[in-house]
Amino acid sequence: MSSPQTTTAAAQGSHHWVLTLELPGRSAMTQYGTYTPPAGTTRYDAFQAIRQHLTADHPEMARANTMFFALEPNQL
């Protein structure tokens, strides 16, 4: 088994997120990544920023339902 490649936490972002959007009966997508929110950012603010980022790349998902959202510190 090979070792996973690593990058520094600073290069990755302070938080890891997963977001699943669904257009019922048509399509769904799950995306993930890292994010470093500005000081004073709430969880809601982070959710909105991430969702807007995704729907900018996938405008067809702008009216999709959020099926899952996780935002956790990016450390073990």
N, C-alpha and C. Protein backbone atom coordinates (compact mmCIF):
# COMPACT_ATOMS: atom_id res chain seq x y z
N MET A 1 0.85 -1.17 0.00
CA MET A 1 0.00 0.00 0.00
C MET A 1 0.90 1.23 0.00
N SER A 2 0.59 2.18 -0.85
CA SER A 2 1.40 3.40 -0.91
C SER A 2 0.89 4.42 0.10
N SER A 3 1.78 5.31 0.48
CA SER A 3 1.43 6.36 1.44
C SER A 3 0.70 7.48 0.72
N PRO A 4 -0.32 8.07 1.38
CA PRO A 4 -1.01 9.20 0.76
C PRO A 4 -0.07 10.40 0.69
N GLN A 5 -0.21 11.19 -0.36
CA GLN A 5 0.58 12.41 -0.46
C GLN A 5 0.02 13.44 0.49
N THR A 6 0.90 14.21 1.10
CA THR A 6 0.45 15.21 2.05
C THR A 6 0.94 16.59 1.65
N THR A 7 0.19 17.59 2.04
CA THR A 7 0.60 18.98 1.93
C THR A 7 0.40 19.58 3.30
N THR A 8 1.00 20.71 3.54
CA THR A 8 0.88 21.33 4.85
C THR A 8 -0.54 21.79 5.10
N ALA A 9 -0.92 21.81 6.37
CA ALA A 9 -2.28 22.25 6.73
C ALA A 9 -2.53 23.68 6.27
N ALA A 10 -1.51 24.54 6.35
CA ALA A 10 -1.69 25.93 5.92
C ALA A 10 -2.05 26.01 4.44
N ALA A 11 -1.46 25.13 3.63
CA ALA A 11 -1.77 25.12 2.20
C ALA A 11 -3.16 24.57 1.93
N GLN A 12 -3.68 23.76 2.83
CA GLN A 12 -4.97 23.13 2.64
C GLN A 12 -6.14 23.99 3.11
N GLY A 13 -5.98 24.76 4.10
CA GLY A 13 -7.09 25.50 4.69
C GLY A 13 -7.36 24.99 6.09
N SER A 14 -7.97 25.79 6.91
CA SER A 14 -8.17 25.45 8.32
C SER A 14 -9.34 24.50 8.56
N HIS A 15 -10.25 24.39 7.60
CA HIS A 15 -11.44 23.54 7.74
C HIS A 15 -11.63 22.67 6.50
N HIS A 16 -12.19 21.49 6.72
CA HIS A 16 -12.56 20.58 5.62
C HIS A 16 -14.08 20.57 5.53
N TRP A 17 -14.60 20.60 4.31
CA TRP A 17 -16.05 20.61 4.12
C TRP A 17 -16.47 19.56 3.11
N VAL A 18 -17.73 19.13 3.24
CA VAL A 18 -18.39 18.24 2.29
C VAL A 18 -19.80 18.80 2.10
N LEU A 19 -20.23 18.92 0.85
CA LEU A 19 -21.56 19.45 0.55
C LEU A 19 -22.21 18.61 -0.54
N THR A 20 -23.42 18.14 -0.28
CA THR A 20 -24.20 17.39 -1.26
C THR A 20 -25.44 18.20 -1.61
N LEU A 21 -25.63 18.43 -2.91
CA LEU A 21 -26.80 19.13 -3.42
C LEU A 21 -27.58 18.17 -4.31
N GLU A 22 -28.92 18.32 -4.30
CA GLU A 22 -29.75 17.44 -5.11
C GLU A 22 -30.90 18.21 -5.74
N LEU A 23 -31.10 17.94 -7.01
CA LEU A 23 -32.31 18.35 -7.71
C LEU A 23 -33.16 17.09 -7.79
N PRO A 24 -34.18 16.97 -6.93
CA PRO A 24 -34.93 15.72 -6.83
C PRO A 24 -35.39 15.16 -8.18
N GLY A 25 -35.08 13.90 -8.39
CA GLY A 25 -35.48 13.23 -9.60
C GLY A 25 -34.64 13.57 -10.82
N ARG A 26 -33.67 14.47 -10.66
CA ARG A 26 -32.89 14.88 -11.83
C ARG A 26 -31.40 14.62 -11.64
N SER A 27 -30.79 15.18 -10.61
CA SER A 27 -29.36 15.00 -10.43
C SER A 27 -28.96 15.33 -8.99
N ALA A 28 -27.77 14.88 -8.64
CA ALA A 28 -27.19 15.18 -7.34
C ALA A 28 -25.68 15.28 -7.52
N MET A 29 -25.04 16.00 -6.62
CA MET A 29 -23.59 16.09 -6.65
C MET A 29 -23.07 16.28 -5.24
N THR A 30 -21.93 15.69 -4.99
CA THR A 30 -21.22 15.88 -3.74
C THR A 30 -19.84 16.42 -4.06
N GLN A 31 -19.48 17.49 -3.40
CA GLN A 31 -18.16 18.10 -3.57
C GLN A 31 -17.53 18.23 -2.19
N TYR A 32 -16.21 18.37 -2.17
CA TYR A 32 -15.50 18.54 -0.90
C TYR A 32 -14.27 19.39 -1.13
N GLY A 33 -13.73 19.93 -0.06
CA GLY A 33 -12.53 20.74 -0.16
C GLY A 33 -12.14 21.30 1.18
N THR A 34 -11.25 22.27 1.15
CA THR A 34 -10.84 22.94 2.38
C THR A 34 -11.11 24.43 2.24
N TYR A 35 -11.20 25.09 3.38
CA TYR A 35 -11.61 26.49 3.42
C TYR A 35 -11.04 27.12 4.67
N THR A 36 -10.51 28.32 4.55
CA THR A 36 -10.08 29.10 5.71
C THR A 36 -10.98 30.32 5.78
N PRO A 37 -11.92 30.32 6.72
CA PRO A 37 -12.85 31.45 6.81
C PRO A 37 -12.18 32.67 7.43
N PRO A 38 -12.61 33.86 7.02
CA PRO A 38 -12.12 35.07 7.67
C PRO A 38 -12.52 35.11 9.14
N ALA A 39 -11.79 35.85 9.93
CA ALA A 39 -12.11 36.00 11.35
C ALA A 39 -13.54 36.49 11.52
N GLY A 40 -14.24 35.90 12.47
CA GLY A 40 -15.62 36.30 12.76
C GLY A 40 -16.67 35.62 11.90
N THR A 41 -16.26 34.74 11.00
CA THR A 41 -17.20 34.03 10.14
C THR A 41 -18.01 33.03 10.94
N THR A 42 -19.31 33.00 10.72
CA THR A 42 -20.16 32.00 11.36
C THR A 42 -20.23 30.76 10.48
N ARG A 43 -20.76 29.68 11.04
CA ARG A 43 -20.95 28.46 10.26
C ARG A 43 -21.89 28.73 9.08
N TYR A 44 -22.93 29.52 9.30
CA TYR A 44 -23.85 29.88 8.23
C TYR A 44 -23.13 30.66 7.12
N ASP A 45 -22.30 31.62 7.51
CA ASP A 45 -21.53 32.38 6.52
C ASP A 45 -20.66 31.45 5.68
N ALA A 46 -20.00 30.50 6.34
CA ALA A 46 -19.14 29.55 5.62
C ALA A 46 -19.97 28.70 4.66
N PHE A 47 -21.12 28.22 5.13
CA PHE A 47 -22.01 27.43 4.29
C PHE A 47 -22.41 28.22 3.04
N GLN A 48 -22.82 29.46 3.22
CA GLN A 48 -23.24 30.30 2.10
C GLN A 48 -22.09 30.53 1.12
N ALA A 49 -20.90 30.79 1.63
CA ALA A 49 -19.74 31.04 0.77
C ALA A 49 -19.39 29.79 -0.04
N ILE A 50 -19.40 28.63 0.61
CA ILE A 50 -19.08 27.38 -0.07
C ILE A 50 -20.15 27.05 -1.10
N ARG A 51 -21.40 27.18 -0.72
CA ARG A 51 -22.49 26.88 -1.66
C ARG A 51 -22.44 27.81 -2.87
N GLN A 52 -22.19 29.09 -2.64
CA GLN A 52 -22.09 30.04 -3.75
C GLN A 52 -20.92 29.70 -4.67
N HIS A 53 -19.82 29.26 -4.08
CA HIS A 53 -18.65 28.86 -4.87
C HIS A 53 -19.01 27.67 -5.77
N LEU A 54 -19.70 26.69 -5.22
CA LEU A 54 -20.08 25.51 -6.00
C LEU A 54 -21.07 25.86 -7.10
N THR A 55 -22.08 26.65 -6.77
CA THR A 55 -23.11 26.96 -7.77
C THR A 55 -22.60 27.94 -8.83
N ALA A 56 -21.54 28.65 -8.55
CA ALA A 56 -20.92 29.48 -9.59
C ALA A 56 -20.32 28.59 -10.68
N ASP A 57 -19.76 27.45 -10.26
CA ASP A 57 -19.18 26.49 -11.20
C ASP A 57 -20.25 25.57 -11.81
N HIS A 58 -21.37 25.40 -11.11
CA HIS A 58 -22.46 24.51 -11.55
C HIS A 58 -23.79 25.25 -11.40
N PRO A 59 -24.05 26.24 -12.26
CA PRO A 59 -25.25 27.08 -12.10
C PRO A 59 -26.57 26.30 -12.13
N GLU A 60 -26.57 25.13 -12.74
CA GLU A 60 -27.78 24.32 -12.76
C GLU A 60 -28.18 23.85 -11.36
N MET A 61 -27.25 23.91 -10.41
CA MET A 61 -27.52 23.46 -9.04
C MET A 61 -27.91 24.61 -8.11
N ALA A 62 -28.07 25.80 -8.64
CA ALA A 62 -28.37 26.97 -7.80
C ALA A 62 -29.65 26.80 -6.99
N ARG A 63 -30.64 26.10 -7.52
CA ARG A 63 -31.91 25.91 -6.81
C ARG A 63 -32.02 24.53 -6.18
N ALA A 64 -30.90 23.81 -6.10
CA ALA A 64 -30.89 22.45 -5.55
C ALA A 64 -31.09 22.47 -4.03
N ASN A 65 -31.61 21.35 -3.53
CA ASN A 65 -31.74 21.16 -2.09
C ASN A 65 -30.39 20.76 -1.50
N THR A 66 -30.11 21.23 -0.31
CA THR A 66 -28.92 20.79 0.40
C THR A 66 -29.29 19.51 1.14
N MET A 67 -28.62 18.43 0.79
CA MET A 67 -28.89 17.13 1.41
C MET A 67 -27.92 16.86 2.55
N PHE A 68 -26.72 17.41 2.45
CA PHE A 68 -25.71 17.17 3.49
C PHE A 68 -24.71 18.30 3.46
N PHE A 69 -24.31 18.75 4.65
CA PHE A 69 -23.23 19.75 4.78
C PHE A 69 -22.46 19.43 6.04
N ALA A 70 -21.14 19.34 5.92
CA ALA A 70 -20.26 19.15 7.07
C ALA A 70 -19.10 20.13 6.95
N LEU A 71 -18.74 20.72 8.07
CA LEU A 71 -17.61 21.63 8.15
C LEU A 71 -16.91 21.34 9.46
N GLU A 72 -15.68 20.88 9.35
CA GLU A 72 -14.93 20.45 10.54
C GLU A 72 -13.52 21.04 10.50
N PRO A 73 -12.91 21.24 11.66
CA PRO A 73 -11.49 21.64 11.65
C PRO A 73 -10.67 20.62 10.87
N ASN A 74 -9.72 21.10 10.10
CA ASN A 74 -8.93 20.23 9.24
C ASN A 74 -7.68 19.73 9.97
N GLN A 75 -7.91 18.96 10.99
CA GLN A 75 -6.81 18.37 11.74
C GLN A 75 -7.28 17.06 12.38
N LEU A 76 -6.34 16.19 12.65
CA LEU A 76 -6.65 14.92 13.32
C LEU A 76 -6.16 14.97 14.74
